[in-house]
Amino acid sequence: MSSELVITPQMRSLIGVETAPYTIDVEAGDLRRFAEAIGHGASLDRNTDPANRIPDGGAVALPTFFCPDPIIASELCGLIRPRPFRYSIDGGSEWEFHHSVRAGDTLRLSSRIAELYEKRGSAKMGTMLFTVIEVRCRNQRNELVGVARGTAIVYEGAQAQAGQEQA
């Protein structure tokens, strides 16, 4: 596969197609479990103290609560991404935050492929396909809570390279 293009017209047609929304009803226990899972349980304790609450609502979630992992969230939304190779790695994530999430909120996540591109890696990696995924989250007031972007990388690996050399 080293000399032929990996990205097909069919793959390109997936760029920008948004999934149906995936809905999450946020409960106070969800906020606590998330905070504890990422090692920030004490920060949630400050939010449950009435003196630290935002005047119009309850405890505020940690910022990445709406989408801790864009690649996994996109799969929950039903996004189908191209995977022409067997091996994969996470290429990193980034977040934009616009509105806080609180217990009692209803979140709607939708995802899309924002970009596809390929690169030639080392002999060990071979050809790599990069898929930039965007997950948008809105609350029950249709306010944009945040946007998470993740890059999924699939690659052919050394075994594919060895097979080509023998062919």
Foldseek 3Di string as FASTA:
>chain_A
DQPDDDQDVVQVVQAPDKFFWDKDQAAPVLQQVVCVVVPNNVVQVQQQPVVNDDVPAGGWHDQCSVPVDQVVVQVSSVDDHDAPADDKDWPDKDKDFDDTDHRRKMKIKMKGFNDWDWDADDLFFGIKIKTKMKIWMAIPVRDTGMIMIIIMIHTHGNVVSVVVVVD
